[in-house]
């Protein structure tokens, strides 16, 4: 069975190093002082996370003949998923803008 124009979007990179609350650390001892951790997260580490649900959904999507959209290909570089880009903080909505 082929479904027309069906698309399945895989999970976007996530984790504390991509969460704006985890990127900026305030120094409560020095008013107005903060540090930014812009190291991002490893693309390989994100891909290595086991996900039986993801594997099952990919299998179903392939059987249905639908298109799989992998946000990692758009949001990550060769080896790192950055937390800060030239456009600003990483955000999951980057694909729609």
C-alpha atoms as a PDB file:
ATOM      1  CA  UNK A   1       0.000   0.000   0.000  1.00  0.00           C
ATOM      2  CA  UNK A   2       1.479   3.353  -1.048  1.00  0.00           C
ATOM      3  CA  UNK A   3       0.280   6.432   0.792  1.00  0.00           C
ATOM      4  CA  UNK A   4       0.616   9.685  -1.102  1.00  0.00           C
ATOM      5  CA  UNK A   5       2.660  12.480   0.383  1.00  0.00           C
ATOM      6  CA  UNK A   6       3.041  10.779   3.732  1.00  0.00           C
ATOM      7  CA  UNK A   7       6.157  11.911   5.566  1.00  0.00           C
ATOM      8  CA  UNK A   8       7.647  10.774   8.837  1.00  0.00           C
ATOM      9  CA  UNK A   9       9.945  13.167  10.682  1.00  0.00           C
ATOM     10  CA  UNK A  10      12.506  11.418  12.881  1.00  0.00           C
ATOM     11  CA  UNK A  11      13.400  12.904  16.295  1.00  0.00           C
ATOM     12  CA  UNK A  12      15.516  16.041  16.300  1.00  0.00           C
ATOM     13  CA  UNK A  13      18.770  16.137  18.255  1.00  0.00           C
ATOM     14  CA  UNK A  14      18.127  16.795  21.919  1.00  0.00           C
ATOM     15  CA  UNK A  15      19.821  16.760  25.287  1.00  0.00           C
ATOM     16  CA  UNK A  16      21.017  19.115  27.983  1.00  0.00           C
ATOM     17  CA  UNK A  17      23.777  20.549  25.752  1.00  0.00           C
ATOM     18  CA  UNK A  18      21.109  21.663  23.259  1.00  0.00           C
ATOM     19  CA  UNK A  19      18.628  22.999  25.799  1.00  0.00           C
ATOM     20  CA  UNK A  20      18.908  26.794  26.204  1.00  0.00           C
ATOM     21  CA  UNK A  21      18.554  26.326  29.968  1.00  0.00           C
ATOM     22  CA  UNK A  22      21.684  24.153  29.916  1.00  0.00           C
ATOM     23  CA  UNK A  23      23.696  26.337  27.539  1.00  0.00           C
ATOM     24  CA  UNK A  24      23.771  29.519  29.614  1.00  0.00           C
ATOM     25  CA  UNK A  25      25.052  29.255  33.179  1.00  0.00           C
ATOM     26  CA  UNK A  26      24.735  32.232  35.515  1.00  0.00           C
ATOM     27  CA  UNK A  27      27.237  33.035  38.202  1.00  0.00           C
ATOM     28  CA  UNK A  28      25.133  34.023  41.205  1.00  0.00           C
ATOM     29  CA  UNK A  29      28.246  35.250  43.004  1.00  0.00           C
ATOM     30  CA  UNK A  30      28.853  37.924  40.371  1.00  0.00           C
ATOM     31  CA  UNK A  31      25.772  39.863  39.328  1.00  0.00           C
ATOM     32  CA  UNK A  32      25.301  39.883  35.559  1.00  0.00           C
ATOM     33  CA  UNK A  33      28.035  37.308  34.968  1.00  0.00           C
ATOM     34  CA  UNK A  34      27.340  34.217  32.920  1.00  0.00           C
ATOM     35  CA  UNK A  35      29.086  31.576  30.817  1.00  0.00           C
ATOM     36  CA  UNK A  36      27.918  30.027  27.547  1.00  0.00           C
ATOM     37  CA  UNK A  37      28.586  26.375  26.725  1.00  0.00           C
ATOM     38  CA  UNK A  38      28.346  26.269  22.947  1.00  0.00           C
ATOM     39  CA  UNK A  39      30.023  22.873  22.500  1.00  0.00           C
ATOM     40  CA  UNK A  40      26.848  21.192  21.231  1.00  0.00           C
ATOM     41  CA  UNK A  41      26.463  17.432  21.247  1.00  0.00           C
ATOM     42  CA  UNK A  42      28.133  14.670  19.294  1.00  0.00           C
ATOM     43  CA  UNK A  43      26.192  13.583  16.203  1.00  0.00           C
ATOM     44  CA  UNK A  44      27.532  10.051  16.668  1.00  0.00           C
ATOM     45  CA  UNK A  45      26.378   9.945  20.309  1.00  0.00           C
ATOM     46  CA  UNK A  46      22.876  11.092  19.338  1.00  0.00           C
ATOM     47  CA  UNK A  47      22.677   8.513  16.544  1.00  0.00           C
ATOM     48  CA  UNK A  48      23.926   5.776  18.894  1.00  0.00           C
ATOM     49  CA  UNK A  49      21.017   6.217  21.319  1.00  0.00           C
ATOM     50  CA  UNK A  50      19.006   3.017  21.051  1.00  0.00           C
ATOM     51  CA  UNK A  51      15.408   3.542  20.106  1.00  0.00           C
ATOM     52  CA  UNK A  52      13.238   0.529  19.437  1.00  0.00           C
ATOM     53  CA  UNK A  53      10.277   2.805  18.795  1.00  0.00           C
ATOM     54  CA  UNK A  54      12.222   4.796  16.203  1.00  0.00           C
ATOM     55  CA  UNK A  55      13.385   1.610  14.468  1.00  0.00           C
ATOM     56  CA  UNK A  56       9.821   0.278  14.368  1.00  0.00           C
ATOM     57  CA  UNK A  57       8.443   3.560  13.009  1.00  0.00           C
ATOM     58  CA  UNK A  58      11.129   3.659  10.301  1.00  0.00           C
ATOM     59  CA  UNK A  59      10.232   0.095   9.322  1.00  0.00           C
ATOM     60  CA  UNK A  60       6.526   0.939   9.091  1.00  0.00           C
ATOM     61  CA  UNK A  61       7.275   4.139   7.172  1.00  0.00           C
ATOM     62  CA  UNK A  62       9.429   2.263   4.660  1.00  0.00           C
ATOM     63  CA  UNK A  63       6.775  -0.422   4.159  1.00  0.00           C
ATOM     64  CA  UNK A  64       4.171   2.280   3.530  1.00  0.00           C
ATOM     65  CA  UNK A  65       6.427   3.869   0.921  1.00  0.00           C
ATOM     66  CA  UNK A  66       6.467   7.157   2.782  1.00  0.00           C
ATOM     67  CA  UNK A  67       9.318   9.635   2.879  1.00  0.00           C
ATOM     68  CA  UNK A  68      11.541   9.787   5.965  1.00  0.00           C
ATOM     69  CA  UNK A  69      12.811  13.211   6.983  1.00  0.00           C
ATOM     70  CA  UNK A  70      15.837  13.152   9.272  1.00  0.00           C
ATOM     71  CA  UNK A  71      16.325  16.542  11.013  1.00  0.00           C
ATOM     72  CA  UNK A  72      19.861  15.510  12.001  1.00  0.00           C
ATOM     73  CA  UNK A  73      20.894  15.898   8.362  1.00  0.00           C
ATOM     74  CA  UNK A  74      19.708  19.534   8.388  1.00  0.00           C
ATOM     75  CA  UNK A  75      20.641  20.569  11.926  1.00  0.00           C
ATOM     76  CA  UNK A  76      24.012  18.889  12.471  1.00  0.00           C
ATOM     77  CA  UNK A  77      27.405  19.254  10.897  1.00  0.00           C
ATOM     78  CA  UNK A  78      29.695  16.379  10.043  1.00  0.00           C
ATOM     79  CA  UNK A  79      30.383  15.415  13.656  1.00  0.00           C
ATOM     80  CA  UNK A  80      28.606  17.880  15.977  1.00  0.00           C
ATOM     81  CA  UNK A  81      25.037  19.034  16.478  1.00  0.00           C
ATOM     82  CA  UNK A  82      25.665  22.668  17.469  1.00  0.00           C
ATOM     83  CA  UNK A  83      23.863  24.384  20.307  1.00  0.00           C
ATOM     84  CA  UNK A  84      24.477  27.823  18.833  1.00  0.00           C
ATOM     85  CA  UNK A  85      24.483  28.614  15.127  1.00  0.00           C
ATOM     86  CA  UNK A  86      25.046  31.868  13.226  1.00  0.00           C
ATOM     87  CA  UNK A  87      21.258  32.289  13.443  1.00  0.00           C
ATOM     88  CA  UNK A  88      21.323  32.035  17.251  1.00  0.00           C
ATOM     89  CA  UNK A  89      20.431  29.367  19.765  1.00  0.00           C
ATOM     90  CA  UNK A  90      19.520  25.926  18.460  1.00  0.00           C
ATOM     91  CA  UNK A  91      15.801  25.447  18.215  1.00  0.00           C
ATOM     92  CA  UNK A  92      13.755  22.516  17.038  1.00  0.00           C
ATOM     93  CA  UNK A  93      11.745  24.793  14.740  1.00  0.00           C
ATOM     94  CA  UNK A  94      14.754  25.551  12.522  1.00  0.00           C
ATOM     95  CA  UNK A  95      13.346  23.364   9.735  1.00  0.00           C
ATOM     96  CA  UNK A  96      10.181  25.426   9.405  1.00  0.00           C
ATOM     97  CA  UNK A  97      11.893  28.811   9.132  1.00  0.00           C
END
